[in-house]
Amino acid sequence: MTYETVAAFAQTWGLLYAAVLFGGVLAYALWPRNQAKFDRAASMPLDEEIDQ
């Protein structure tokens, strides 16, 4: 294998891997079942109570 072959393979499949990973993270973040969890996390800095 030459460097050009390996580089082309890594670029093509690396882009595909990153796109699939991004899609999975986006689906997890926008899934309706997770909305309450993210709403709680978003309001945590505004809570008066400090847990130690």
PDB file of N, CA and C in Angstrom:
ATOM      1  N   MET A   1       0.827  -1.180   0.000  1.00  0.00           N
ATOM      2  CA  MET A   1       0.000   0.000   0.000  1.00  0.00           C
ATOM      3  C   MET A   1       0.874   1.249   0.000  1.00  0.00           C
ATOM      4  N   THR A   2       0.412   2.198  -0.739  1.00  0.00           N
ATOM      5  CA  THR A   2       1.136   3.461  -0.772  1.00  0.00           C
ATOM      6  C   THR A   2       0.508   4.437   0.219  1.00  0.00           C
ATOM      7  N   TYR A   3       1.227   5.495   0.465  1.00  0.00           N
ATOM      8  CA  TYR A   3       0.724   6.521   1.379  1.00  0.00           C
ATOM      9  C   TYR A   3      -0.583   7.122   0.852  1.00  0.00           C
ATOM     10  N   GLU A   4      -0.664   7.356  -0.447  1.00  0.00           N
ATOM     11  CA  GLU A   4      -1.852   7.963  -1.030  1.00  0.00           C
ATOM     12  C   GLU A   4      -3.078   7.077  -0.846  1.00  0.00           C
ATOM     13  N   THR A   5      -2.910   5.770  -0.980  1.00  0.00           N
ATOM     14  CA  THR A   5      -4.010   4.829  -0.799  1.00  0.00           C
ATOM     15  C   THR A   5      -4.503   4.843   0.641  1.00  0.00           C
ATOM     16  N   VAL A   6      -3.570   4.791   1.572  1.00  0.00           N
ATOM     17  CA  VAL A   6      -3.937   4.800   2.993  1.00  0.00           C
ATOM     18  C   VAL A   6      -4.586   6.128   3.367  1.00  0.00           C
ATOM     19  N   ALA A   7      -4.058   7.227   2.859  1.00  0.00           N
ATOM     20  CA  ALA A   7      -4.609   8.543   3.163  1.00  0.00           C
ATOM     21  C   ALA A   7      -6.030   8.685   2.613  1.00  0.00           C
ATOM     22  N   ALA A   8      -6.259   8.224   1.393  1.00  0.00           N
ATOM     23  CA  ALA A   8      -7.596   8.298   0.801  1.00  0.00           C
ATOM     24  C   ALA A   8      -8.581   7.430   1.585  1.00  0.00           C
ATOM     25  N   PHE A   9      -8.146   6.242   1.986  1.00  0.00           N
ATOM     26  CA  PHE A   9      -8.999   5.358   2.780  1.00  0.00           C
ATOM     27  C   PHE A   9      -9.354   5.998   4.112  1.00  0.00           C
ATOM     28  N   ALA A  10      -8.361   6.556   4.798  1.00  0.00           N
ATOM     29  CA  ALA A  10      -8.589   7.170   6.102  1.00  0.00           C
ATOM     30  C   ALA A  10      -9.494   8.394   5.990  1.00  0.00           C
ATOM     31  N   GLN A  11      -9.328   9.184   4.949  1.00  0.00           N
ATOM     32  CA  GLN A  11     -10.162  10.372   4.784  1.00  0.00           C
ATOM     33  C   GLN A  11     -11.611   9.998   4.499  1.00  0.00           C
ATOM     34  N   THR A  12     -11.812   9.029   3.625  1.00  0.00           N
ATOM     35  CA  THR A  12     -13.164   8.625   3.255  1.00  0.00           C
ATOM     36  C   THR A  12     -13.894   7.991   4.433  1.00  0.00           C
ATOM     37  N   TRP A  13     -13.308   6.978   5.039  1.00  0.00           N
ATOM     38  CA  TRP A  13     -13.970   6.274   6.126  1.00  0.00           C
ATOM     39  C   TRP A  13     -13.969   7.080   7.408  1.00  0.00           C
ATOM     40  N   GLY A  14     -12.992   7.944   7.592  1.00  0.00           N
ATOM     41  CA  GLY A  14     -12.998   8.833   8.752  1.00  0.00           C
ATOM     42  C   GLY A  14     -14.144   9.826   8.678  1.00  0.00           C
ATOM     43  N   LEU A  15     -14.401  10.354   7.501  1.00  0.00           N
ATOM     44  CA  LEU A  15     -15.525  11.266   7.316  1.00  0.00           C
ATOM     45  C   LEU A  15     -16.848  10.544   7.545  1.00  0.00           C
ATOM     46  N   LEU A  16     -16.974   9.348   7.042  1.00  0.00           N
ATOM     47  CA  LEU A  16     -18.190   8.567   7.245  1.00  0.00           C
ATOM     48  C   LEU A  16     -18.395   8.258   8.731  1.00  0.00           C
ATOM     49  N   TYR A  17     -17.329   7.870   9.410  1.00  0.00           N
ATOM     50  CA  TYR A  17     -17.393   7.586  10.844  1.00  0.00           C
ATOM     51  C   TYR A  17     -17.806   8.830  11.625  1.00  0.00           C
ATOM     52  N   ALA A  18     -17.233   9.968  11.311  1.00  0.00           N
ATOM     53  CA  ALA A  18     -17.571  11.213  12.004  1.00  0.00           C
ATOM     54  C   ALA A  18     -19.019  11.614  11.742  1.00  0.00           C
ATOM     55  N   ALA A  19     -19.506  11.422  10.534  1.00  0.00           N
ATOM     56  CA  ALA A  19     -20.884  11.768  10.208  1.00  0.00           C
ATOM     57  C   ALA A  19     -21.864  10.871  10.955  1.00  0.00           C
ATOM     58  N   VAL A  20     -21.574   9.586  11.036  1.00  0.00           N
ATOM     59  CA  VAL A  20     -22.440   8.660  11.767  1.00  0.00           C
ATOM     60  C   VAL A  20     -22.413   8.976  13.256  1.00  0.00           C
ATOM     61  N   LEU A  21     -21.245   9.254  13.791  1.00  0.00           N
ATOM     62  CA  LEU A  21     -21.129   9.607  15.200  1.00  0.00           C
ATOM     63  C   LEU A  21     -21.884  10.900  15.502  1.00  0.00           C
ATOM     64  N   PHE A  22     -21.741  11.911  14.653  1.00  0.00           N
ATOM     65  CA  PHE A  22     -22.460  13.164  14.820  1.00  0.00           C
ATOM     66  C   PHE A  22     -23.968  12.939  14.771  1.00  0.00           C
ATOM     67  N   GLY A  23     -24.426  12.111  13.849  1.00  0.00           N
ATOM     68  CA  GLY A  23     -25.854  11.806  13.751  1.00  0.00           C
ATOM     69  C   GLY A  23     -26.374  11.111  14.999  1.00  0.00           C
ATOM     70  N   GLY A  24     -25.570  10.211  15.558  1.00  0.00           N
ATOM     71  CA  GLY A  24     -25.970   9.535  16.785  1.00  0.00           C
ATOM     72  C   GLY A  24     -26.058  10.482  17.968  1.00  0.00           C
ATOM     73  N   VAL A  25     -25.097  11.360  18.099  1.00  0.00           N
ATOM     74  CA  VAL A  25     -25.111  12.343  19.187  1.00  0.00           C
ATOM     75  C   VAL A  25     -26.283  13.301  19.015  1.00  0.00           C
ATOM     76  N   LEU A  26     -26.538  13.734  17.804  1.00  0.00           N
ATOM     77  CA  LEU A  26     -27.655  14.630  17.538  1.00  0.00           C
ATOM     78  C   LEU A  26     -28.990  13.952  17.843  1.00  0.00           C
ATOM     79  N   ALA A  27     -29.142  12.699  17.442  1.00  0.00           N
ATOM     80  CA  ALA A  27     -30.370  11.963  17.731  1.00  0.00           C
ATOM     81  C   ALA A  27     -30.563  11.799  19.234  1.00  0.00           C
ATOM     82  N   TYR A  28     -29.484  11.516  19.970  1.00  0.00           N
ATOM     83  CA  TYR A  28     -29.580  11.377  21.421  1.00  0.00           C
ATOM     84  C   TYR A  28     -29.994  12.696  22.068  1.00  0.00           C
ATOM     85  N   ALA A  29     -29.422  13.790  21.603  1.00  0.00           N
ATOM     86  CA  ALA A  29     -29.712  15.095  22.202  1.00  0.00           C
ATOM     87  C   ALA A  29     -31.130  15.550  21.898  1.00  0.00           C
ATOM     88  N   LEU A  30     -31.667  15.201  20.756  1.00  0.00           N
ATOM     89  CA  LEU A  30     -32.998  15.658  20.363  1.00  0.00           C
ATOM     90  C   LEU A  30     -34.109  14.642  20.621  1.00  0.00           C
ATOM     91  N   TRP A  31     -33.771  13.480  21.170  1.00  0.00           N
ATOM     92  CA  TRP A  31     -34.769  12.452  21.435  1.00  0.00           C
ATOM     93  C   TRP A  31     -35.747  12.982  22.491  1.00  0.00           C
ATOM     94  N   PRO A  32     -37.044  12.882  22.262  1.00  0.00           N
ATOM     95  CA  PRO A  32     -38.018  13.455  23.195  1.00  0.00           C
ATOM     96  C   PRO A  32     -37.912  12.902  24.626  1.00  0.00           C
ATOM     97  N   ARG A  33     -37.539  11.675  24.789  1.00  0.00           N
ATOM     98  CA  ARG A  33     -37.436  11.074  26.116  1.00  0.00           C
ATOM     99  C   ARG A  33     -36.340  11.729  26.959  1.00  0.00           C
ATOM    100  N   ASN A  34     -35.335  12.312  26.336  1.00  0.00           N
ATOM    101  CA  ASN A  34     -34.219  12.928  27.060  1.00  0.00           C
ATOM    102  C   ASN A  34     -34.445  14.396  27.391  1.00  0.00           C
ATOM    103  N   GLN A  35     -35.577  14.958  26.984  1.00  0.00           N
ATOM    104  CA  GLN A  35     -35.801  16.385  27.170  1.00  0.00           C
ATOM    105  C   GLN A  35     -35.811  16.777  28.645  1.00  0.00           C
ATOM    106  N   ALA A  36     -36.452  15.999  29.505  1.00  0.00           N
ATOM    107  CA  ALA A  36     -36.509  16.340  30.925  1.00  0.00           C
ATOM    108  C   ALA A  36     -35.113  16.347  31.541  1.00  0.00           C
ATOM    109  N   LYS A  37     -34.287  15.409  31.145  1.00  0.00           N
ATOM    110  CA  LYS A  37     -32.918  15.334  31.663  1.00  0.00           C
ATOM    111  C   LYS A  37     -32.116  16.585  31.279  1.00  0.00           C
ATOM    112  N   PHE A  38     -32.248  17.020  30.036  1.00  0.00           N
ATOM    113  CA  PHE A  38     -31.510  18.191  29.585  1.00  0.00           C
ATOM    114  C   PHE A  38     -32.093  19.478  30.179  1.00  0.00           C
ATOM    115  N   ASP A  39     -33.402  19.521  30.394  1.00  0.00           N
ATOM    116  CA  ASP A  39     -34.004  20.689  31.037  1.00  0.00           C
ATOM    117  C   ASP A  39     -33.515  20.835  32.472  1.00  0.00           C
ATOM    118  N   ARG A  40     -33.417  19.718  33.199  1.00  0.00           N
ATOM    119  CA  ARG A  40     -32.877  19.752  34.568  1.00  0.00           C
ATOM    120  C   ARG A  40     -31.430  20.217  34.563  1.00  0.00           C
ATOM    121  N   ALA A  41     -30.646  19.708  33.659  1.00  0.00           N
ATOM    122  CA  ALA A  41     -29.232  20.087  33.581  1.00  0.00           C
ATOM    123  C   ALA A  41     -29.088  21.567  33.221  1.00  0.00           C
ATOM    124  N   ALA A  42     -29.974  22.083  32.382  1.00  0.00           N
ATOM    125  CA  ALA A  42     -29.894  23.482  31.980  1.00  0.00           C
ATOM    126  C   ALA A  42     -30.231  24.419  33.127  1.00  0.00           C
ATOM    127  N   SER A  43     -31.093  23.984  34.036  1.00  0.00           N
ATOM    128  CA  SER A  43     -31.493  24.855  35.136  1.00  0.00           C
ATOM    129  C   SER A  43     -30.637  24.668  36.385  1.00  0.00           C
ATOM    130  N   MET A  44     -29.721  23.741  36.400  1.00  0.00           N
ATOM    131  CA  MET A  44     -28.893  23.489  37.583  1.00  0.00           C
ATOM    132  C   MET A  44     -28.089  24.720  38.024  1.00  0.00           C
ATOM    133  N   PRO A  45     -27.486  25.498  37.134  1.00  0.00           N
ATOM    134  CA  PRO A  45     -26.725  26.666  37.606  1.00  0.00           C
ATOM    135  C   PRO A  45     -27.599  27.717  38.288  1.00  0.00           C
ATOM    136  N   LEU A  46     -28.894  27.698  38.031  1.00  0.00           N
ATOM    137  CA  LEU A  46     -29.788  28.691  38.597  1.00  0.00           C
ATOM    138  C   LEU A  46     -30.408  28.254  39.921  1.00  0.00           C
ATOM    139  N   ASP A  47     -30.187  27.012  40.327  1.00  0.00           N
ATOM    140  CA  ASP A  47     -30.766  26.509  41.569  1.00  0.00           C
ATOM    141  C   ASP A  47     -30.105  27.181  42.773  1.00  0.00           C
ATOM    142  N   GLU A  48     -30.905  27.519  43.768  1.00  0.00           N
ATOM    143  CA  GLU A  48     -30.406  28.150  44.982  1.00  0.00           C
ATOM    144  C   GLU A  48     -29.705  27.125  45.884  1.00  0.00           C
ATOM    145  N   GLU A  49     -30.192  25.931  45.886  1.00  0.00           N
ATOM    146  CA  GLU A  49     -29.672  24.890  46.766  1.00  0.00           C
ATOM    147  C   GLU A  49     -28.300  24.411  46.272  1.00  0.00           C
ATOM    148  N   ILE A  50     -27.350  24.323  47.188  1.00  0.00           N
ATOM    149  CA  ILE A  50     -26.001  23.870  46.832  1.00  0.00           C
ATOM    150  C   ILE A  50     -25.799  22.484  47.439  1.00  0.00           C
ATOM    151  N   ASP A  51     -25.552  21.512  46.591  1.00  0.00           N
ATOM    152  CA  ASP A  51     -25.283  20.154  47.051  1.00  0.00           C
ATOM    153  C   ASP A  51     -23.793  19.956  47.194  1.00  0.00           C
ATOM    154  N   GLN A  52     -23.394  19.428  48.344  1.00  0.00           N
ATOM    155  CA  GLN A  52     -21.963  19.182  48.543  1.00  0.00           C
ATOM    156  C   GLN A  52     -21.724  17.750  48.885  1.00  0.00           C
TER     157      GLN A  52
END
